[in-house]
Protein backbone atom coordinates (compact mmCIF):
# COMPACT_ATOMS: atom_id res chain seq x y z
CA MET A 1 56.14 104.35 116.57
CA THR A 2 59.20 102.52 115.53
CA GLU A 3 61.15 102.44 112.52
CA SER A 4 61.75 99.25 111.09
CA PHE A 5 65.28 97.49 110.35
CA ASP A 6 66.32 98.05 106.31
CA PHE A 7 68.31 94.87 105.95
CA SER A 8 69.14 95.82 102.03
CA GLN A 9 69.95 98.92 103.17
CA MET A 10 72.53 97.99 105.50
CA THR A 11 74.13 95.71 103.11
CA SER A 12 74.57 97.90 100.47
CA MET A 13 76.47 100.51 103.18
CA LEU A 14 78.05 97.42 103.90
CA ASP A 15 79.08 96.74 100.30
CA LYS A 16 80.39 100.42 100.15
CA LEU A 17 82.57 100.31 103.00
CA MET A 18 84.14 96.89 101.80
CA ALA A 19 84.85 98.40 98.53
CA GLY A 20 86.32 101.40 100.08
CA VAL A 21 88.40 99.28 102.20
CA GLN A 22 89.66 97.08 99.60
CA ASP A 23 90.31 100.26 97.54
CA ILE A 24 92.80 101.85 100.40
CA LYS A 25 94.41 98.44 100.38
CA GLU A 26 95.27 98.59 97.12
CA ASN A 27 96.32 101.96 97.09
CA ALA A 28 97.99 101.95 100.31
CA SER A 29 101.61 102.53 98.77
CA GLN A 30 100.38 105.43 97.27
CA ILE A 31 99.80 106.98 100.45
CA GLN A 32 103.02 108.30 102.18
CA VAL A 33 103.32 110.13 105.79
CA GLU A 34 106.68 111.84 107.32
CA GLY A 35 107.46 111.66 111.09
CA LYS A 36 109.99 114.02 112.25
CA ALA A 37 111.77 113.76 115.45
CA GLY A 38 114.17 116.42 117.67
CA GLY A 39 113.77 119.56 115.48
CA ASP A 40 113.91 117.99 112.08
CA MET A 41 117.11 116.20 113.03
CA VAL A 42 115.57 112.95 111.78
CA SER A 43 112.51 112.28 109.52
CA VAL A 44 111.10 108.97 108.16
CA VAL A 45 108.82 108.57 105.29
CA MET A 46 106.20 105.63 105.40
CA ASN A 47 103.81 104.46 103.09
CA GLY A 48 100.62 103.33 103.72
CA ASN A 49 101.74 99.57 104.02
CA HIS A 50 103.93 100.54 106.92
CA LYS A 51 106.92 100.60 104.62
CA VAL A 52 109.77 103.08 105.61
CA LEU A 53 110.77 104.70 102.09
CA GLU A 54 113.40 107.15 103.48
CA VAL A 55 115.48 108.06 106.06
CA HIS A 56 117.08 111.27 106.86
CA ILE A 57 119.56 112.18 109.81
CA ALA A 58 120.90 115.67 110.12
CA GLN A 59 124.57 115.63 110.57
CA GLN A 60 124.56 116.88 114.18
CA ALA A 61 122.26 114.07 115.22
CA MET A 62 125.51 111.64 114.31
CA ASP A 63 127.59 112.95 117.17
CA ASP A 64 125.65 111.09 119.62
CA ARG A 65 124.57 107.63 119.42
CA GLU A 66 121.83 107.37 122.08
CA LEU A 67 120.25 110.22 121.23
CA LEU A 68 120.04 109.38 117.39
CA GLU A 69 118.45 106.06 118.35
CA ASP A 70 116.03 107.81 120.27
CA LEU A 71 114.93 110.10 117.58
CA VAL A 72 114.63 107.41 114.98
CA VAL A 73 112.34 105.57 117.22
CA ALA A 74 110.29 108.51 117.87
CA ALA A 75 110.49 109.65 114.10
CA VAL A 76 108.79 106.09 113.12
CA ASN A 77 106.28 106.11 115.74
CA GLU A 78 105.48 109.55 114.68
CA ALA A 79 104.74 108.25 111.05
CA VAL A 80 102.94 105.48 112.42
CA ARG A 81 100.97 107.81 114.29
CA ARG A 82 100.54 109.89 111.24
CA LEU A 83 99.47 107.01 109.12
CA THR A 84 97.01 105.65 111.42
CA GLU A 85 95.07 108.91 111.68
CA GLU A 86 95.34 109.19 107.49
CA LEU A 87 94.08 105.74 107.25
CA THR A 88 91.12 106.48 109.91
CA LYS A 89 89.83 109.06 108.02
CA LYS A 90 89.86 107.45 104.64
CA ILE A 91 88.05 104.66 106.13
CA GLY A 92 85.64 106.82 107.98
CA GLY A 93 84.76 108.59 104.43
CA PHE A 94 83.35 105.00 103.47
CA ALA A 95 81.82 104.53 106.84
CA GLU A 96 79.43 107.28 106.69
CA GLY A 97 75.92 106.50 107.47
CA LEU A 98 76.60 103.29 108.88
CA PRO A 99 75.30 102.82 112.66
CA ILE A 100 78.86 102.20 114.31
CA PRO A 101 79.69 103.17 117.09
CA PRO A 102 81.72 106.59 117.62
CA GLY A 103 85.82 106.14 117.66
CA MET A 104 85.40 102.73 115.46
CA PHE A 105 86.79 104.64 112.54
């Protein structure tokens, strides 16, 4: 026995997903994540729009320019990774029940 595909249910689910994504976009500036590097010598705070809000650098990191540059890059990359995880979780919550292949959200 085969199940029939319910397009109205799929449309409703997609509408829910799109509304959720729109809500996340509208409230992205309220999401904040922090990336750290070098044992907290450098930290970066970023919002959901990928805007860097704060950069904190410990005094001991100021002595070595190359190290400081590497730590800033690492902290920003960590913030981006954390933001991606956060947004993926939020979008995934809206996508529950949709026949979407694993790993897409």
